[in-house]
Amino acid sequence: MSVNGIEITEIRIHPVKKKDAAGPLEAFARVILNGQLCINSIRVMRGKYGPFVSYPRDFNRKEEKGYQFCYPITRSLQAYLSERILGEWKTVAA
């Protein structure tokens, strides 16, 4: 399956080993798109309404602002990436 010509060709899930019981971080993911673009540091987080995917960002402590390095622009791509990443995470976490 692909969305707008973008296909996930590989997903690697790296569960957090020394997890803070109160912390929301569950795992990191690495995704390769079309065998040509790698996105690292995607986070699988536990939220109030269940697990979700969070994309890499930089946080400037001085200005107390953050900005995302990369993220899906369309809802269809967001849904596709989230579904595949969370699906893979569930198989690894089980």
PDB file of N, CA and C in Angstrom:
ATOM      1  N   MET A   1       0.843  -1.186   0.000  1.00  0.00           N
ATOM      2  CA  MET A   1       0.000   0.000   0.000  1.00  0.00           C
ATOM      3  C   MET A   1       0.883   1.242   0.000  1.00  0.00           C
ATOM      4  N   SER A   2       0.436   2.257  -0.684  1.00  0.00           N
ATOM      5  CA  SER A   2       1.142   3.538  -0.670  1.00  0.00           C
ATOM      6  C   SER A   2       0.119   4.666  -0.644  1.00  0.00           C
ATOM      7  N   VAL A   3       0.570   5.829  -0.253  1.00  0.00           N
ATOM      8  CA  VAL A   3      -0.271   7.022  -0.217  1.00  0.00           C
ATOM      9  C   VAL A   3       0.431   8.088  -1.027  1.00  0.00           C
ATOM     10  N   ASN A   4      -0.216   8.549  -2.089  1.00  0.00           N
ATOM     11  CA  ASN A   4       0.346   9.584  -2.964  1.00  0.00           C
ATOM     12  C   ASN A   4       1.752   9.227  -3.448  1.00  0.00           C
ATOM     13  N   GLY A   5       1.968   7.942  -3.729  1.00  0.00           N
ATOM     14  CA  GLY A   5       3.266   7.497  -4.226  1.00  0.00           C
ATOM     15  C   GLY A   5       4.312   7.286  -3.145  1.00  0.00           C
ATOM     16  N   ILE A   6       3.946   7.466  -1.885  1.00  0.00           N
ATOM     17  CA  ILE A   6       4.884   7.261  -0.780  1.00  0.00           C
ATOM     18  C   ILE A   6       4.570   5.921  -0.132  1.00  0.00           C
ATOM     19  N   GLU A   7       5.591   5.070  -0.066  1.00  0.00           N
ATOM     20  CA  GLU A   7       5.424   3.751   0.522  1.00  0.00           C
ATOM     21  C   GLU A   7       6.470   3.540   1.601  1.00  0.00           C
ATOM     22  N   ILE A   8       6.041   2.969   2.717  1.00  0.00           N
ATOM     23  CA  ILE A   8       6.986   2.613   3.772  1.00  0.00           C
ATOM     24  C   ILE A   8       7.630   1.303   3.364  1.00  0.00           C
ATOM     25  N   THR A   9       8.952   1.316   3.198  1.00  0.00           N
ATOM     26  CA  THR A   9       9.657   0.101   2.799  1.00  0.00           C
ATOM     27  C   THR A   9      10.331  -0.587   3.988  1.00  0.00           C
ATOM     28  N   GLU A  10      10.485   0.128   5.091  1.00  0.00           N
ATOM     29  CA  GLU A  10      11.069  -0.493   6.293  1.00  0.00           C
ATOM     30  C   GLU A  10      10.686   0.308   7.525  1.00  0.00           C
ATOM     31  N   ILE A  11      10.397  -0.414   8.603  1.00  0.00           N
ATOM     32  CA  ILE A  11      10.139   0.200   9.910  1.00  0.00           C
ATOM     33  C   ILE A  11      10.956  -0.561  10.942  1.00  0.00           C
ATOM     34  N   ARG A  12      11.685   0.163  11.754  1.00  0.00           N
ATOM     35  CA  ARG A  12      12.428  -0.433  12.879  1.00  0.00           C
ATOM     36  C   ARG A  12      11.927   0.233  14.157  1.00  0.00           C
ATOM     37  N   ILE A  13      11.546  -0.575  15.113  1.00  0.00           N
ATOM     38  CA  ILE A  13      11.071  -0.075  16.400  1.00  0.00           C
ATOM     39  C   ILE A  13      12.129  -0.389  17.455  1.00  0.00           C
ATOM     40  N   HIS A  14      12.451   0.617  18.264  1.00  0.00           N
ATOM     41  CA  HIS A  14      13.427   0.460  19.349  1.00  0.00           C
ATOM     42  C   HIS A  14      12.732   0.838  20.663  1.00  0.00           C
ATOM     43  N   PRO A  15      12.211  -0.173  21.395  1.00  0.00           N
ATOM     44  CA  PRO A  15      11.539   0.133  22.665  1.00  0.00           C
ATOM     45  C   PRO A  15      12.500   0.795  23.651  1.00  0.00           C
ATOM     46  N   VAL A  16      11.962   1.660  24.480  1.00  0.00           N
ATOM     47  CA  VAL A  16      12.761   2.308  25.521  1.00  0.00           C
ATOM     48  C   VAL A  16      13.025   1.269  26.604  1.00  0.00           C
ATOM     49  N   LYS A  17      14.291   1.037  26.912  1.00  0.00           N
ATOM     50  CA  LYS A  17      14.651  -0.012  27.870  1.00  0.00           C
ATOM     51  C   LYS A  17      14.482   0.443  29.316  1.00  0.00           C
ATOM     52  N   LYS A  18      14.995   1.611  29.641  1.00  0.00           N
ATOM     53  CA  LYS A  18      14.874   2.123  31.002  1.00  0.00           C
ATOM     54  C   LYS A  18      13.760   3.166  31.017  1.00  0.00           C
ATOM     55  N   LYS A  19      12.537   2.658  30.979  1.00  0.00           N
ATOM     56  CA  LYS A  19      11.370   3.522  30.847  1.00  0.00           C
ATOM     57  C   LYS A  19      10.956   4.090  32.199  1.00  0.00           C
ATOM     58  N   ASP A  20      10.670   5.380  32.213  1.00  0.00           N
ATOM     59  CA  ASP A  20      10.122   6.043  33.391  1.00  0.00           C
ATOM     60  C   ASP A  20       8.649   5.640  33.481  1.00  0.00           C
ATOM     61  N   ALA A  21       8.240   5.089  34.612  1.00  0.00           N
ATOM     62  CA  ALA A  21       6.866   4.602  34.753  1.00  0.00           C
ATOM     63  C   ALA A  21       5.835   5.703  34.505  1.00  0.00           C
ATOM     64  N   ALA A  22       6.141   6.919  34.883  1.00  0.00           N
ATOM     65  CA  ALA A  22       5.207   8.021  34.704  1.00  0.00           C
ATOM     66  C   ALA A  22       5.384   8.711  33.348  1.00  0.00           C
ATOM     67  N   GLY A  23       6.462   8.400  32.652  1.00  0.00           N
ATOM     68  CA  GLY A  23       6.746   9.070  31.383  1.00  0.00           C
ATOM     69  C   GLY A  23       5.949   8.492  30.216  1.00  0.00           C
ATOM     70  N   PRO A  24       5.665   9.305  29.215  1.00  0.00           N
ATOM     71  CA  PRO A  24       4.850   8.854  28.094  1.00  0.00           C
ATOM     72  C   PRO A  24       5.621   8.156  26.969  1.00  0.00           C
ATOM     73  N   LEU A  25       6.948   8.237  26.962  1.00  0.00           N
ATOM     74  CA  LEU A  25       7.730   7.678  25.862  1.00  0.00           C
ATOM     75  C   LEU A  25       7.774   6.157  25.934  1.00  0.00           C
ATOM     76  N   GLU A  26       7.349   5.504  24.842  1.00  0.00           N
ATOM     77  CA  GLU A  26       7.325   4.045  24.770  1.00  0.00           C
ATOM     78  C   GLU A  26       8.456   3.497  23.912  1.00  0.00           C
ATOM     79  N   ALA A  27       8.706   4.142  22.757  1.00  0.00           N
ATOM     80  CA  ALA A  27       9.691   3.607  21.816  1.00  0.00           C
ATOM     81  C   ALA A  27      10.106   4.687  20.818  1.00  0.00           C
ATOM     82  N   PHE A  28      11.205   4.398  20.113  1.00  0.00           N
ATOM     83  CA  PHE A  28      11.628   5.211  18.975  1.00  0.00           C
ATOM     84  C   PHE A  28      11.445   4.374  17.717  1.00  0.00           C
ATOM     85  N   ALA A  29      11.165   5.044  16.619  1.00  0.00           N
ATOM     86  CA  ALA A  29      10.992   4.336  15.352  1.00  0.00           C
ATOM     87  C   ALA A  29      11.873   4.971  14.291  1.00  0.00           C
ATOM     88  N   ARG A  30      12.311   4.124  13.353  1.00  0.00           N
ATOM     89  CA  ARG A  30      13.026   4.586  12.172  1.00  0.00           C
ATOM     90  C   ARG A  30      12.235   4.078  10.979  1.00  0.00           C
ATOM     91  N   VAL A  31      11.904   4.987  10.073  1.00  0.00           N
ATOM     92  CA  VAL A  31      11.088   4.646   8.921  1.00  0.00           C
ATOM     93  C   VAL A  31      11.855   4.981   7.650  1.00  0.00           C
ATOM     94  N   ILE A  32      11.829   4.063   6.695  1.00  0.00           N
ATOM     95  CA  ILE A  32      12.425   4.320   5.387  1.00  0.00           C
ATOM     96  C   ILE A  32      11.287   4.392   4.366  1.00  0.00           C
ATOM     97  N   LEU A  33      11.272   5.482   3.602  1.00  0.00           N
ATOM     98  CA  LEU A  33      10.235   5.715   2.605  1.00  0.00           C
ATOM     99  C   LEU A  33      10.788   5.487   1.205  1.00  0.00           C
ATOM    100  N   ASN A  34      10.070   4.696   0.423  1.00  0.00           N
ATOM    101  CA  ASN A  34      10.433   4.393  -0.964  1.00  0.00           C
ATOM    102  C   ASN A  34      11.879   3.911  -1.109  1.00  0.00           C
ATOM    103  N   GLY A  35      12.432   3.345  -0.052  1.00  0.00           N
ATOM    104  CA  GLY A  35      13.801   2.851  -0.099  1.00  0.00           C
ATOM    105  C   GLY A  35      14.833   3.945  -0.311  1.00  0.00           C
ATOM    106  N   GLN A  36      14.431   5.211  -0.086  1.00  0.00           N
ATOM    107  CA  GLN A  36      15.323   6.321  -0.397  1.00  0.00           C
ATOM    108  C   GLN A  36      15.459   7.376   0.689  1.00  0.00           C
ATOM    109  N   LEU A  37      14.503   7.452   1.604  1.00  0.00           N
ATOM    110  CA  LEU A  37      14.524   8.499   2.621  1.00  0.00           C
ATOM    111  C   LEU A  37      14.320   7.865   3.988  1.00  0.00           C
ATOM    112  N   CYS A  38      15.245   8.136   4.909  1.00  0.00           N
ATOM    113  CA  CYS A  38      15.175   7.597   6.261  1.00  0.00           C
ATOM    114  C   CYS A  38      14.783   8.719   7.233  1.00  0.00           C
ATOM    115  N   ILE A  39      13.811   8.435   8.077  1.00  0.00           N
ATOM    116  CA  ILE A  39      13.417   9.372   9.132  1.00  0.00           C
ATOM    117  C   ILE A  39      13.676   8.680  10.458  1.00  0.00           C
ATOM    118  N   ASN A  40      14.577   9.242  11.258  1.00  0.00           N
ATOM    119  CA  ASN A  40      14.918   8.722  12.580  1.00  0.00           C
ATOM    120  C   ASN A  40      14.215   9.524  13.661  1.00  0.00           C
ATOM    121  N   SER A  41      14.248   9.004  14.852  1.00  0.00           N
ATOM    122  CA  SER A  41      13.768   9.696  16.059  1.00  0.00           C
ATOM    123  C   SER A  41      12.273   9.978  16.052  1.00  0.00           C
ATOM    124  N   ILE A  42      11.502   9.152  15.362  1.00  0.00           N
ATOM    125  CA  ILE A  42      10.050   9.219  15.491  1.00  0.00           C
ATOM    126  C   ILE A  42       9.734   8.557  16.826  1.00  0.00           C
ATOM    127  N   ARG A  43       8.895   9.194  17.616  1.00  0.00           N
ATOM    128  CA  ARG A  43       8.596   8.666  18.943  1.00  0.00           C
ATOM    129  C   ARG A  43       7.200   8.052  19.001  1.00  0.00           C
ATOM    130  N   VAL A  44       7.096   6.933  19.701  1.00  0.00           N
ATOM    131  CA  VAL A  44       5.791   6.354  20.023  1.00  0.00           C
ATOM    132  C   VAL A  44       5.514   6.763  21.463  1.00  0.00           C
ATOM    133  N   MET A  45       4.421   7.483  21.654  1.00  0.00           N
ATOM    134  CA  MET A  45       4.094   8.060  22.954  1.00  0.00           C
ATOM    135  C   MET A  45       2.756   7.512  23.449  1.00  0.00           C
ATOM    136  N   ARG A  46       2.617   7.448  24.772  1.00  0.00           N
ATOM    137  CA  ARG A  46       1.322   7.101  25.372  1.00  0.00           C
ATOM    138  C   ARG A  46       0.646   8.396  25.768  1.00  0.00           C
ATOM    139  N   GLY A  47      -0.550   8.589  25.248  1.00  0.00           N
ATOM    140  CA  GLY A  47      -1.296   9.797  25.550  1.00  0.00           C
ATOM    141  C   GLY A  47      -2.554   9.485  26.334  1.00  0.00           C
ATOM    142  N   LYS A  48      -3.278  10.514  26.638  1.00  0.00           N
ATOM    143  CA  LYS A  48      -4.523  10.394  27.389  1.00  0.00           C
ATOM    144  C   LYS A  48      -5.526   9.495  26.668  1.00  0.00           C
ATOM    145  N   TYR A  49      -5.517   9.534  25.341  1.00  0.00           N
ATOM    146  CA  TYR A  49      -6.470   8.771  24.536  1.00  0.00           C
ATOM    147  C   TYR A  49      -5.829   7.578  23.826  1.00  0.00           C
ATOM    148  N   GLY A  50      -4.647   7.159  24.269  1.00  0.00           N
ATOM    149  CA  GLY A  50      -3.982   6.012  23.688  1.00  0.00           C
ATOM    150  C   GLY A  50      -2.665   6.390  23.039  1.00  0.00           C
ATOM    151  N   PRO A  51      -2.001   5.416  22.417  1.00  0.00           N
ATOM    152  CA  PRO A  51      -0.689   5.686  21.812  1.00  0.00           C
ATOM    153  C   PRO A  51      -0.804   6.564  20.565  1.00  0.00           C
ATOM    154  N   PHE A  52       0.243   7.348  20.330  1.00  0.00           N
ATOM    155  CA  PHE A  52       0.297   8.175  19.129  1.00  0.00           C
ATOM    156  C   PHE A  52       1.743   8.333  18.692  1.00  0.00           C
ATOM    157  N   VAL A  53       1.911   8.831  17.476  1.00  0.00           N
ATOM    158  CA  VAL A  53       3.229   9.015  16.873  1.00  0.00           C
ATOM    159  C   VAL A  53       3.595  10.499  16.943  1.00  0.00           C
ATOM    160  N   SER A  54       4.826  10.776  17.357  1.00  0.00           N
ATOM    161  CA  SER A  54       5.327  12.143  17.442  1.00  0.00           C
ATOM    162  C   SER A  54       6.592  12.243  16.587  1.00  0.00           C
ATOM    163  N   TYR A  55       6.668  13.261  15.772  1.00  0.00           N
ATOM    164  CA  TYR A  55       7.766  13.393  14.821  1.00  0.00           C
ATOM    165  C   TYR A  55       8.925  14.196  15.413  1.00  0.00           C
ATOM    166  N   PRO A  56      10.123  14.028  14.851  1.00  0.00           N
ATOM    167  CA  PRO A  56      11.325  14.682  15.400  1.00  0.00           C
ATOM    168  C   PRO A  56      11.166  16.196  15.493  1.00  0.00           C
ATOM    169  N   ARG A  57      11.642  16.735  16.593  1.00  0.00           N
ATOM    170  CA  ARG A  57      11.595  18.185  16.777  1.00  0.00           C
ATOM    171  C   ARG A  57      12.800  18.659  17.559  1.00  0.00           C
ATOM    172  N   ASP A  58      13.072  19.935  17.414  1.00  0.00           N
ATOM    173  CA  ASP A  58      14.146  20.575  18.150  1.00  0.00           C
ATOM    174  C   ASP A  58      13.487  21.544  19.121  1.00  0.00           C
ATOM    175  N   PHE A  59      14.024  21.623  20.313  1.00  0.00           N
ATOM    176  CA  PHE A  59      13.451  22.511  21.322  1.00  0.00           C
ATOM    177  C   PHE A  59      14.517  23.479  21.785  1.00  0.00           C
ATOM    178  N   ASN A  60      14.237  24.758  21.644  1.00  0.00           N
ATOM    179  CA  ASN A  60      15.152  25.799  22.083  1.00  0.00           C
ATOM    180  C   ASN A  60      14.738  26.220  23.495  1.00  0.00           C
ATOM    181  N   ARG A  61      15.509  25.795  24.482  1.00  0.00           N
ATOM    182  CA  ARG A  61      15.153  26.076  25.879  1.00  0.00           C
ATOM    183  C   ARG A  61      15.169  27.573  26.188  1.00  0.00           C
ATOM    184  N   LYS A  62      16.041  28.287  25.545  1.00  0.00           N
ATOM    185  CA  LYS A  62      16.148  29.721  25.811  1.00  0.00           C
ATOM    186  C   LYS A  62      14.866  30.449  25.410  1.00  0.00           C
ATOM    187  N   GLU A  63      14.350  30.120  24.236  1.00  0.00           N
ATOM    188  CA  GLU A  63      13.131  30.772  23.743  1.00  0.00           C
ATOM    189  C   GLU A  63      11.873  29.997  24.130  1.00  0.00           C
ATOM    190  N   GLU A  64      12.048  28.803  24.697  1.00  0.00           N
ATOM    191  CA  GLU A  64      10.948  27.928  25.070  1.00  0.00           C
ATOM    192  C   GLU A  64      10.018  27.642  23.895  1.00  0.00           C
ATOM    193  N   LYS A  65      10.613  27.452  22.716  1.00  0.00           N
ATOM    194  CA  LYS A  65       9.866  27.121  21.510  1.00  0.00           C
ATOM    195  C   LYS A  65      10.490  25.887  20.886  1.00  0.00           C
ATOM    196  N   GLY A  66       9.684  25.164  20.151  1.00  0.00           N
ATOM    197  CA  GLY A  66      10.191  24.012  19.433  1.00  0.00           C
ATOM    198  C   GLY A  66       9.706  24.048  18.001  1.00  0.00           C
ATOM    199  N   TYR A  67      10.427  23.362  17.125  1.00  0.00           N
ATOM    200  CA  TYR A  67       9.955  23.256  15.746  1.00  0.00           C
ATOM    201  C   TYR A  67      10.242  21.852  15.243  1.00  0.00           C
ATOM    202  N   GLN A  68       9.370  21.378  14.386  1.00  0.00           N
ATOM    203  CA  GLN A  68       9.494  20.034  13.865  1.00  0.00           C
ATOM    204  C   GLN A  68      10.405  20.027  12.646  1.00  0.00           C
ATOM    205  N   PHE A  69      11.266  18.991  12.592  1.00  0.00           N
ATOM    206  CA  PHE A  69      12.157  18.815  11.445  1.00  0.00           C
ATOM    207  C   PHE A  69      11.393  18.269  10.244  1.00  0.00           C
ATOM    208  N   CYS A  70      10.554  17.311  10.491  1.00  0.00           N
ATOM    209  CA  CYS A  70       9.779  16.707   9.406  1.00  0.00           C
ATOM    210  C   CYS A  70       8.459  16.210   9.965  1.00  0.00           C
ATOM    211  N   TYR A  71       7.451  16.203   9.106  1.00  0.00           N
ATOM    212  CA  TYR A  71       6.121  15.746   9.499  1.00  0.00           C
ATOM    213  C   TYR A  71       5.279  15.576   8.241  1.00  0.00           C
ATOM    214  N   PRO A  72       4.287  14.698   8.290  1.00  0.00           N
ATOM    215  CA  PRO A  72       3.411  14.525   7.127  1.00  0.00           C
ATOM    216  C   PRO A  72       2.472  15.727   7.000  1.00  0.00           C
ATOM    217  N   ILE A  73       2.268  16.179   5.788  1.00  0.00           N
ATOM    218  CA  ILE A  73       1.424  17.347   5.563  1.00  0.00           C
ATOM    219  C   ILE A  73      -0.039  16.954   5.380  1.00  0.00           C
ATOM    220  N   THR A  74      -0.282  15.830   4.708  1.00  0.00           N
ATOM    221  CA  THR A  74      -1.661  15.425   4.452  1.00  0.00           C
ATOM    222  C   THR A  74      -2.162  14.462   5.523  1.00  0.00           C
ATOM    223  N   ARG A  75      -3.457  14.493   5.755  1.00  0.00           N
ATOM    224  CA  ARG A  75      -4.064  13.592   6.740  1.00  0.00           C
ATOM    225  C   ARG A  75      -3.924  12.136   6.317  1.00  0.00           C
ATOM    226  N   SER A  76      -4.006  11.896   5.013  1.00  0.00           N
ATOM    227  CA  SER A  76      -3.908  10.512   4.542  1.00  0.00           C
ATOM    228  C   SER A  76      -2.514   9.939   4.823  1.00  0.00           C
ATOM    229  N   LEU A  77      -1.476  10.727   4.613  1.00  0.00           N
ATOM    230  CA  LEU A  77      -0.122  10.256   4.906  1.00  0.00           C
ATOM    231  C   LEU A  77       0.084  10.116   6.413  1.00  0.00           C
ATOM    232  N   GLN A  78      -0.439  11.047   7.187  1.00  0.00           N
ATOM    233  CA  GLN A  78      -0.354  10.972   8.652  1.00  0.00           C
ATOM    234  C   GLN A  78      -1.001   9.675   9.144  1.00  0.00           C
ATOM    235  N   ALA A  79      -2.193   9.370   8.641  1.00  0.00           N
ATOM    236  CA  ALA A  79      -2.907   8.160   9.053  1.00  0.00           C
ATOM    237  C   ALA A  79      -2.139   6.902   8.647  1.00  0.00           C
ATOM    238  N   TYR A  80      -1.616   6.888   7.426  1.00  0.00           N
ATOM    239  CA  TYR A  80      -0.848   5.741   6.921  1.00  0.00           C
ATOM    240  C   TYR A  80       0.390   5.492   7.782  1.00  0.00           C
ATOM    241  N   LEU A  81       1.163   6.532   8.050  1.00  0.00           N
ATOM    242  CA  LEU A  81       2.370   6.390   8.863  1.00  0.00           C
ATOM    243  C   LEU A  81       2.027   5.947  10.286  1.00  0.00           C
ATOM    244  N   SER A  82       1.036   6.584  10.888  1.00  0.00           N
ATOM    245  CA  SER A  82       0.655   6.237  12.258  1.00  0.00           C
ATOM    246  C   SER A  82       0.179   4.792  12.351  1.00  0.00           C
ATOM    247  N   GLU A  83      -0.658   4.393  11.421  1.00  0.00           N
ATOM    248  CA  GLU A  83      -1.190   3.028  11.429  1.00  0.00           C
ATOM    249  C   GLU A  83      -0.073   1.987  11.328  1.00  0.00           C
ATOM    250  N   ARG A  84       0.848   2.205  10.413  1.00  0.00           N
ATOM    251  CA  ARG A  84       1.939   1.250  10.205  1.00  0.00           C
ATOM    252  C   ARG A  84       2.925   1.249  11.375  1.00  0.00           C
ATOM    253  N   ILE A  85       3.300   2.427  11.882  1.00  0.00           N
ATOM    254  CA  ILE A  85       4.258   2.517  12.993  1.00  0.00           C
ATOM    255  C   ILE A  85       3.659   1.917  14.261  1.00  0.00           C
ATOM    256  N   LEU A  86       2.419   2.291  14.594  1.00  0.00           N
ATOM    257  CA  LEU A  86       1.793   1.755  15.801  1.00  0.00           C
ATOM    258  C   LEU A  86       1.533   0.261  15.680  1.00  0.00           C
ATOM    259  N   GLY A  87       1.206  -0.204  14.490  1.00  0.00           N
ATOM    260  CA  GLY A  87       1.026  -1.636  14.274  1.00  0.00           C
ATOM    261  C   GLY A  87       2.307  -2.408  14.522  1.00  0.00           C
ATOM    262  N   GLU A  88       3.398  -1.893  14.015  1.00  0.00           N
ATOM    263  CA  GLU A  88       4.705  -2.536  14.226  1.00  0.00           C
ATOM    264  C   GLU A  88       5.106  -2.468  15.697  1.00  0.00           C
ATOM    265  N   TRP A  89       4.847  -1.349  16.347  1.00  0.00           N
ATOM    266  CA  TRP A  89       5.165  -1.199  17.758  1.00  0.00           C
ATOM    267  C   TRP A  89       4.389  -2.217  18.603  1.00  0.00           C
ATOM    268  N   LYS A  90       3.115  -2.422  18.279  1.00  0.00           N
ATOM    269  CA  LYS A  90       2.306  -3.384  19.039  1.00  0.00           C
ATOM    270  C   LYS A  90       2.861  -4.798  18.918  1.00  0.00           C
ATOM    271  N   THR A  91       3.387  -5.166  17.751  1.00  0.00           N
ATOM    272  CA  THR A  91       3.947  -6.506  17.595  1.00  0.00           C
ATOM    273  C   THR A  91       5.258  -6.655  18.371  1.00  0.00           C
ATOM    274  N   VAL A  92       6.046  -5.583  18.428  1.00  0.00           N
ATOM    275  CA  VAL A  92       7.319  -5.622  19.154  1.00  0.00           C
ATOM    276  C   VAL A  92       7.069  -5.576  20.659  1.00  0.00           C
ATOM    277  N   ALA A  93       6.092  -4.784  21.090  1.00  0.00           N
ATOM    278  CA  ALA A  93       5.819  -4.605  22.518  1.00  0.00           C
ATOM    279  C   ALA A  93       5.127  -5.828  23.133  1.00  0.00           C
ATOM    280  N   ALA A  94       4.497  -6.637  22.310  1.00  0.00           N
ATOM    281  CA  ALA A  94       3.740  -7.797  22.844  1.00  0.00           C
ATOM    282  C   ALA A  94       4.633  -8.878  23.383  1.00  0.00           C
TER     283      ALA A  94
END
